[in-house]
Amino acid sequence: MFMPLCTVLTTVLATIILGEELHVGSVIGAVAIIVGLYVVLWGKAEDARKAAAPGQLDPEDTLAAPLIADAQNEPN
């Protein structure tokens, strides 16, 4: 599993111990990568949650569905 704390710790230690320069572009890129990974992990967890319980109704999905069927669309 990805742990962003390791990335931050490595960057801080490389700056302190090895004397590497920390550039703004590198920090922005690292933040973008970490956010992107968390978005992917969140999406996978959301898909797994929906696939785990296919028979259960999701409250977010049922809010858009009509409670009473339209009489014109029902077959006679």
PDB file of N, CA and C in Angstrom:
ATOM      1  N   MET A   1       0.840  -1.186   0.000  1.00  0.00           N
ATOM      2  CA  MET A   1       0.000   0.000   0.000  1.00  0.00           C
ATOM      3  C   MET A   1       0.883   1.247   0.000  1.00  0.00           C
ATOM      4  N   PHE A   2       0.425   2.257  -0.660  1.00  0.00           N
ATOM      5  CA  PHE A   2       1.173   3.502  -0.782  1.00  0.00           C
ATOM      6  C   PHE A   2       1.008   4.335   0.484  1.00  0.00           C
ATOM      7  N   MET A   3       2.118   4.808   1.012  1.00  0.00           N
ATOM      8  CA  MET A   3       2.067   5.656   2.202  1.00  0.00           C
ATOM      9  C   MET A   3       2.755   6.980   1.885  1.00  0.00           C
ATOM     10  N   PRO A   4       1.994   8.073   1.780  1.00  0.00           N
ATOM     11  CA  PRO A   4       2.608   9.358   1.433  1.00  0.00           C
ATOM     12  C   PRO A   4       3.558   9.877   2.499  1.00  0.00           C
ATOM     13  N   LEU A   5       3.448   9.359   3.704  1.00  0.00           N
ATOM     14  CA  LEU A   5       4.369   9.780   4.756  1.00  0.00           C
ATOM     15  C   LEU A   5       5.802   9.377   4.411  1.00  0.00           C
ATOM     16  N   CYS A   6       5.981   8.247   3.744  1.00  0.00           N
ATOM     17  CA  CYS A   6       7.317   7.822   3.317  1.00  0.00           C
ATOM     18  C   CYS A   6       7.898   8.800   2.301  1.00  0.00           C
ATOM     19  N   THR A   7       7.070   9.285   1.395  1.00  0.00           N
ATOM     20  CA  THR A   7       7.521  10.252   0.396  1.00  0.00           C
ATOM     21  C   THR A   7       7.962  11.550   1.059  1.00  0.00           C
ATOM     22  N   VAL A   8       7.167  12.015   2.003  1.00  0.00           N
ATOM     23  CA  VAL A   8       7.503  13.253   2.720  1.00  0.00           C
ATOM     24  C   VAL A   8       8.769  13.063   3.541  1.00  0.00           C
ATOM     25  N   LEU A   9       8.876  11.941   4.245  1.00  0.00           N
ATOM     26  CA  LEU A   9      10.056  11.671   5.069  1.00  0.00           C
ATOM     27  C   LEU A   9      11.317  11.569   4.217  1.00  0.00           C
ATOM     28  N   THR A  10      11.222  10.922   3.072  1.00  0.00           N
ATOM     29  CA  THR A  10      12.371  10.809   2.174  1.00  0.00           C
ATOM     30  C   THR A  10      12.808  12.174   1.663  1.00  0.00           C
ATOM     31  N   THR A  11      11.840  13.009   1.319  1.00  0.00           N
ATOM     32  CA  THR A  11      12.160  14.352   0.824  1.00  0.00           C
ATOM     33  C   THR A  11      12.828  15.195   1.899  1.00  0.00           C
ATOM     34  N   VAL A  12      12.291  15.151   3.107  1.00  0.00           N
ATOM     35  CA  VAL A  12      12.864  15.934   4.204  1.00  0.00           C
ATOM     36  C   VAL A  12      14.271  15.452   4.536  1.00  0.00           C
ATOM     37  N   LEU A  13      14.459  14.133   4.625  1.00  0.00           N
ATOM     38  CA  LEU A  13      15.783  13.601   4.952  1.00  0.00           C
ATOM     39  C   LEU A  13      16.800  13.883   3.839  1.00  0.00           C
ATOM     40  N   ALA A  14      16.367  13.805   2.582  1.00  0.00           N
ATOM     41  CA  ALA A  14      17.281  14.103   1.476  1.00  0.00           C
ATOM     42  C   ALA A  14      17.690  15.568   1.491  1.00  0.00           C
ATOM     43  N   THR A  15      16.772  16.427   1.881  1.00  0.00           N
ATOM     44  CA  THR A  15      17.089  17.853   1.959  1.00  0.00           C
ATOM     45  C   THR A  15      18.047  18.138   3.113  1.00  0.00           C
ATOM     46  N   ILE A  16      17.811  17.511   4.257  1.00  0.00           N
ATOM     47  CA  ILE A  16      18.632  17.783   5.442  1.00  0.00           C
ATOM     48  C   ILE A  16      19.984  17.072   5.352  1.00  0.00           C
ATOM     49  N   ILE A  17      19.978  15.774   5.106  1.00  0.00           N
ATOM     50  CA  ILE A  17      21.213  14.985   5.169  1.00  0.00           C
ATOM     51  C   ILE A  17      22.068  15.154   3.910  1.00  0.00           C
ATOM     52  N   LEU A  18      21.441  15.050   2.748  1.00  0.00           N
ATOM     53  CA  LEU A  18      22.214  15.105   1.503  1.00  0.00           C
ATOM     54  C   LEU A  18      22.382  16.515   0.966  1.00  0.00           C
ATOM     55  N   GLY A  19      21.665  17.463   1.527  1.00  0.00           N
ATOM     56  CA  GLY A  19      21.777  18.847   1.094  1.00  0.00           C
ATOM     57  C   GLY A  19      21.153  19.119  -0.270  1.00  0.00           C
ATOM     58  N   GLU A  20      20.191  18.307  -0.667  1.00  0.00           N
ATOM     59  CA  GLU A  20      19.532  18.520  -1.955  1.00  0.00           C
ATOM     60  C   GLU A  20      18.618  19.741  -1.882  1.00  0.00           C
ATOM     61  N   GLU A  21      18.505  20.412  -3.026  1.00  0.00           N
ATOM     62  CA  GLU A  21      17.625  21.576  -3.081  1.00  0.00           C
ATOM     63  C   GLU A  21      16.194  21.117  -3.329  1.00  0.00           C
ATOM     64  N   LEU A  22      15.284  21.801  -2.678  1.00  0.00           N
ATOM     65  CA  LEU A  22      13.870  21.495  -2.838  1.00  0.00           C
ATOM     66  C   LEU A  22      13.249  22.574  -3.713  1.00  0.00           C
ATOM     67  N   HIS A  23      12.722  22.179  -4.868  1.00  0.00           N
ATOM     68  CA  HIS A  23      12.150  23.128  -5.811  1.00  0.00           C
ATOM     69  C   HIS A  23      10.624  23.115  -5.702  1.00  0.00           C
ATOM     70  N   VAL A  24      10.027  24.263  -6.002  1.00  0.00           N
ATOM     71  CA  VAL A  24       8.574  24.391  -5.911  1.00  0.00           C
ATOM     72  C   VAL A  24       7.884  23.439  -6.884  1.00  0.00           C
ATOM     73  N   GLY A  25       8.415  23.286  -8.069  1.00  0.00           N
ATOM     74  CA  GLY A  25       7.830  22.388  -9.060  1.00  0.00           C
ATOM     75  C   GLY A  25       7.827  20.943  -8.600  1.00  0.00           C
ATOM     76  N   SER A  26       8.876  20.547  -7.902  1.00  0.00           N
ATOM     77  CA  SER A  26       8.946  19.182  -7.373  1.00  0.00           C
ATOM     78  C   SER A  26       7.885  18.952  -6.300  1.00  0.00           C
ATOM     79  N   VAL A  27       7.688  19.955  -5.454  1.00  0.00           N
ATOM     80  CA  VAL A  27       6.682  19.837  -4.396  1.00  0.00           C
ATOM     81  C   VAL A  27       5.285  19.781  -5.008  1.00  0.00           C
ATOM     82  N   ILE A  28       5.016  20.623  -5.990  1.00  0.00           N
ATOM     83  CA  ILE A  28       3.704  20.626  -6.642  1.00  0.00           C
ATOM     84  C   ILE A  28       3.466  19.296  -7.353  1.00  0.00           C
ATOM     85  N   GLY A  29       4.474  18.774  -8.018  1.00  0.00           N
ATOM     86  CA  GLY A  29       4.345  17.478  -8.691  1.00  0.00           C
ATOM     87  C   GLY A  29       4.096  16.339  -7.717  1.00  0.00           C
ATOM     88  N   ALA A  30       4.801  16.352  -6.591  1.00  0.00           N
ATOM     89  CA  ALA A  30       4.603  15.310  -5.582  1.00  0.00           C
ATOM     90  C   ALA A  30       3.194  15.360  -5.007  1.00  0.00           C
ATOM     91  N   VAL A  31       2.701  16.559  -4.751  1.00  0.00           N
ATOM     92  CA  VAL A  31       1.334  16.700  -4.231  1.00  0.00           C
ATOM     93  C   VAL A  31       0.330  16.201  -5.265  1.00  0.00           C
ATOM     94  N   ALA A  32       0.547  16.511  -6.534  1.00  0.00           N
ATOM     95  CA  ALA A  32      -0.366  16.055  -7.581  1.00  0.00           C
ATOM     96  C   ALA A  32      -0.374  14.533  -7.683  1.00  0.00           C
ATOM     97  N   ILE A  33       0.778  13.912  -7.560  1.00  0.00           N
ATOM     98  CA  ILE A  33       0.864  12.450  -7.627  1.00  0.00           C
ATOM     99  C   ILE A  33       0.154  11.813  -6.438  1.00  0.00           C
ATOM    100  N   ILE A  34       0.381  12.333  -5.251  1.00  0.00           N
ATOM    101  CA  ILE A  34      -0.249  11.781  -4.047  1.00  0.00           C
ATOM    102  C   ILE A  34      -1.768  11.934  -4.116  1.00  0.00           C
ATOM    103  N   VAL A  35      -2.240  13.099  -4.539  1.00  0.00           N
ATOM    104  CA  VAL A  35      -3.685  13.310  -4.669  1.00  0.00           C
ATOM    105  C   VAL A  35      -4.261  12.365  -5.725  1.00  0.00           C
ATOM    106  N   GLY A  36      -3.576  12.196  -6.827  1.00  0.00           N
ATOM    107  CA  GLY A  36      -4.042  11.289  -7.870  1.00  0.00           C
ATOM    108  C   GLY A  36      -4.137   9.848  -7.397  1.00  0.00           C
ATOM    109  N   LEU A  37      -3.150   9.406  -6.632  1.00  0.00           N
ATOM    110  CA  LEU A  37      -3.198   8.045  -6.101  1.00  0.00           C
ATOM    111  C   LEU A  37      -4.354   7.854  -5.133  1.00  0.00           C
ATOM    112  N   TYR A  38      -4.602   8.859  -4.295  1.00  0.00           N
ATOM    113  CA  TYR A  38      -5.729   8.748  -3.369  1.00  0.00           C
ATOM    114  C   TYR A  38      -7.061   8.763  -4.105  1.00  0.00           C
ATOM    115  N   VAL A  39      -7.168   9.505  -5.184  1.00  0.00           N
ATOM    116  CA  VAL A  39      -8.407   9.515  -5.975  1.00  0.00           C
ATOM    117  C   VAL A  39      -8.643   8.133  -6.586  1.00  0.00           C
ATOM    118  N   VAL A  40      -7.596   7.507  -7.102  1.00  0.00           N
ATOM    119  CA  VAL A  40      -7.719   6.165  -7.666  1.00  0.00           C
ATOM    120  C   VAL A  40      -8.115   5.161  -6.587  1.00  0.00           C
ATOM    121  N   LEU A  41      -7.473   5.230  -5.425  1.00  0.00           N
ATOM    122  CA  LEU A  41      -7.814   4.321  -4.326  1.00  0.00           C
ATOM    123  C   LEU A  41      -9.243   4.529  -3.851  1.00  0.00           C
ATOM    124  N   TRP A  42      -9.685   5.781  -3.790  1.00  0.00           N
ATOM    125  CA  TRP A  42     -11.059   6.073  -3.384  1.00  0.00           C
ATOM    126  C   TRP A  42     -12.039   5.499  -4.406  1.00  0.00           C
ATOM    127  N   GLY A  43     -11.736   5.655  -5.690  1.00  0.00           N
ATOM    128  CA  GLY A  43     -12.610   5.128  -6.735  1.00  0.00           C
ATOM    129  C   GLY A  43     -12.692   3.614  -6.700  1.00  0.00           C
ATOM    130  N   LYS A  44     -11.567   2.948  -6.476  1.00  0.00           N
ATOM    131  CA  LYS A  44     -11.577   1.491  -6.370  1.00  0.00           C
ATOM    132  C   LYS A  44     -12.375   1.034  -5.168  1.00  0.00           C
ATOM    133  N   ALA A  45     -12.258   1.724  -4.043  1.00  0.00           N
ATOM    134  CA  ALA A  45     -13.024   1.362  -2.851  1.00  0.00           C
ATOM    135  C   ALA A  45     -14.515   1.576  -3.078  1.00  0.00           C
ATOM    136  N   GLU A  46     -14.861   2.628  -3.792  1.00  0.00           N
ATOM    137  CA  GLU A  46     -16.273   2.910  -4.098  1.00  0.00           C
ATOM    138  C   GLU A  46     -16.839   1.824  -5.012  1.00  0.00           C
ATOM    139  N   ASP A  47     -16.080   1.394  -6.014  1.00  0.00           N
ATOM    140  CA  ASP A  47     -16.525   0.318  -6.898  1.00  0.00           C
ATOM    141  C   ASP A  47     -16.670  -0.991  -6.129  1.00  0.00           C
ATOM    142  N   ALA A  48     -15.734  -1.275  -5.245  1.00  0.00           N
ATOM    143  CA  ALA A  48     -15.811  -2.499  -4.452  1.00  0.00           C
ATOM    144  C   ALA A  48     -17.021  -2.480  -3.526  1.00  0.00           C
ATOM    145  N   ARG A  49     -17.331  -1.314  -2.982  1.00  0.00           N
ATOM    146  CA  ARG A  49     -18.486  -1.192  -2.087  1.00  0.00           C
ATOM    147  C   ARG A  49     -19.778  -1.448  -2.855  1.00  0.00           C
ATOM    148  N   LYS A  50     -19.887  -0.924  -4.066  1.00  0.00           N
ATOM    149  CA  LYS A  50     -21.092  -1.121  -4.865  1.00  0.00           C
ATOM    150  C   LYS A  50     -21.193  -2.562  -5.364  1.00  0.00           C
ATOM    151  N   ALA A  51     -20.078  -3.196  -5.677  1.00  0.00           N
ATOM    152  CA  ALA A  51     -20.088  -4.570  -6.165  1.00  0.00           C
ATOM    153  C   ALA A  51     -20.339  -5.569  -5.041  1.00  0.00           C
ATOM    154  N   ALA A  52     -20.005  -5.223  -3.814  1.00  0.00           N
ATOM    155  CA  ALA A  52     -20.157  -6.135  -2.687  1.00  0.00           C
ATOM    156  C   ALA A  52     -21.619  -6.373  -2.345  1.00  0.00           C
ATOM    157  N   ALA A  53     -22.463  -5.391  -2.565  1.00  0.00           N
ATOM    158  CA  ALA A  53     -23.872  -5.513  -2.205  1.00  0.00           C
ATOM    159  C   ALA A  53     -24.753  -5.137  -3.396  1.00  0.00           C
ATOM    160  N   PRO A  54     -24.820  -5.995  -4.435  1.00  0.00           N
ATOM    161  CA  PRO A  54     -25.604  -5.616  -5.617  1.00  0.00           C
ATOM    162  C   PRO A  54     -27.110  -5.608  -5.371  1.00  0.00           C
ATOM    163  N   GLY A  55     -27.606  -6.343  -4.376  1.00  0.00           N
ATOM    164  CA  GLY A  55     -29.034  -6.390  -4.120  1.00  0.00           C
ATOM    165  C   GLY A  55     -29.543  -5.235  -3.290  1.00  0.00           C
ATOM    166  N   GLN A  56     -28.654  -4.525  -2.644  1.00  0.00           N
ATOM    167  CA  GLN A  56     -29.062  -3.425  -1.776  1.00  0.00           C
ATOM    168  C   GLN A  56     -29.169  -2.141  -2.580  1.00  0.00           C
ATOM    169  N   LEU A  57     -30.105  -1.298  -2.171  1.00  0.00           N
ATOM    170  CA  LEU A  57     -30.281  -0.017  -2.843  1.00  0.00           C
ATOM    171  C   LEU A  57     -29.320   1.007  -2.276  1.00  0.00           C
ATOM    172  N   ASP A  58     -28.737   1.779  -3.154  1.00  0.00           N
ATOM    173  CA  ASP A  58     -27.852   2.856  -2.747  1.00  0.00           C
ATOM    174  C   ASP A  58     -28.694   4.123  -2.607  1.00  0.00           C
ATOM    175  N   PRO A  59     -28.682   4.787  -1.452  1.00  0.00           N
ATOM    176  CA  PRO A  59     -29.508   5.984  -1.265  1.00  0.00           C
ATOM    177  C   PRO A  59     -29.218   7.071  -2.289  1.00  0.00           C
ATOM    178  N   GLU A  60     -28.000   7.185  -2.754  1.00  0.00           N
ATOM    179  CA  GLU A  60     -27.669   8.205  -3.742  1.00  0.00           C
ATOM    180  C   GLU A  60     -28.314   7.892  -5.091  1.00  0.00           C
ATOM    181  N   ASP A  61     -28.408   6.605  -5.440  1.00  0.00           N
ATOM    182  CA  ASP A  61     -29.007   6.221  -6.713  1.00  0.00           C
ATOM    183  C   ASP A  61     -30.528   6.310  -6.673  1.00  0.00           C
ATOM    184  N   THR A  62     -31.134   6.071  -5.523  1.00  0.00           N
ATOM    185  CA  THR A  62     -32.585   6.056  -5.433  1.00  0.00           C
ATOM    186  C   THR A  62     -33.191   7.449  -5.360  1.00  0.00           C
ATOM    187  N   LEU A  63     -32.394   8.465  -5.095  1.00  0.00           N
ATOM    188  CA  LEU A  63     -32.937   9.812  -5.023  1.00  0.00           C
ATOM    189  C   LEU A  63     -33.403  10.305  -6.392  1.00  0.00           C
ATOM    190  N   ALA A  64     -32.809   9.815  -7.456  1.00  0.00           N
ATOM    191  CA  ALA A  64     -33.166  10.265  -8.795  1.00  0.00           C
ATOM    192  C   ALA A  64     -34.322   9.453  -9.381  1.00  0.00           C
ATOM    193  N   ALA A  65     -34.649   8.305  -8.803  1.00  0.00           N
ATOM    194  CA  ALA A  65     -35.708   7.450  -9.333  1.00  0.00           C
ATOM    195  C   ALA A  65     -37.073   7.954  -8.859  1.00  0.00           C
ATOM    196  N   PRO A  66     -38.075   7.918  -9.745  1.00  0.00           N
ATOM    197  CA  PRO A  66     -39.410   8.353  -9.333  1.00  0.00           C
ATOM    198  C   PRO A  66     -40.039   7.350  -8.372  1.00  0.00           C
ATOM    199  N   LEU A  67     -40.827   7.839  -7.433  1.00  0.00           N
ATOM    200  CA  LEU A  67     -41.482   6.963  -6.471  1.00  0.00           C
ATOM    201  C   LEU A  67     -42.712   6.289  -7.079  1.00  0.00           C
ATOM    202  N   ILE A  68     -43.410   6.977  -7.943  1.00  0.00           N
ATOM    203  CA  ILE A  68     -44.600   6.442  -8.574  1.00  0.00           C
ATOM    204  C   ILE A  68     -44.350   6.399 -10.082  1.00  0.00           C
ATOM    205  N   ALA A  69     -44.621   5.241 -10.682  1.00  0.00           N
ATOM    206  CA  ALA A  69     -44.408   5.103 -12.127  1.00  0.00           C
ATOM    207  C   ALA A  69     -45.409   5.961 -12.889  1.00  0.00           C
ATOM    208  N   ASP A  70     -44.984   6.438 -14.022  1.00  0.00           N
ATOM    209  CA  ASP A  70     -45.843   7.246 -14.868  1.00  0.00           C
ATOM    210  C   ASP A  70     -46.875   6.350 -15.543  1.00  0.00           C
ATOM    211  N   ALA A  71     -48.161   6.699 -15.471  1.00  0.00           N
ATOM    212  CA  ALA A  71     -49.243   5.861 -16.007  1.00  0.00           C
ATOM    213  C   ALA A  71     -49.155   5.745 -17.523  1.00  0.00           C
ATOM    214  N   GLN A  72     -48.591   6.709 -18.202  1.00  0.00           N
ATOM    215  CA  GLN A  72     -48.502   6.671 -19.658  1.00  0.00           C
ATOM    216  C   GLN A  72     -47.467   5.652 -20.128  1.00  0.00           C
ATOM    217  N   ASN A  73     -46.461   5.370 -19.343  1.00  0.00           N
ATOM    218  CA  ASN A  73     -45.402   4.460 -19.750  1.00  0.00           C
ATOM    219  C   ASN A  73     -45.698   3.011 -19.409  1.00  0.00           C
ATOM    220  N   GLU A  74     -46.768   2.715 -18.653  1.00  0.00           N
ATOM    221  CA  GLU A  74     -47.082   1.353 -18.266  1.00  0.00           C
ATOM    222  C   GLU A  74     -47.805   0.631 -19.407  1.00  0.00           C
ATOM    223  N   PRO A  75     -47.437  -0.635 -19.654  1.00  0.00           N
ATOM    224  CA  PRO A  75     -48.148  -1.385 -20.696  1.00  0.00           C
ATOM    225  C   PRO A  75     -49.545  -1.759 -20.213  1.00  0.00           C
ATOM    226  N   ASN A  76     -50.509  -1.803 -21.137  1.00  0.00           N
ATOM    227  CA  ASN A  76     -51.904  -2.127 -20.776  1.00  0.00           C
ATOM    228  C   ASN A  76     -52.154  -3.600 -20.862  1.00  0.00           C
TER     229      ASN A  76
END
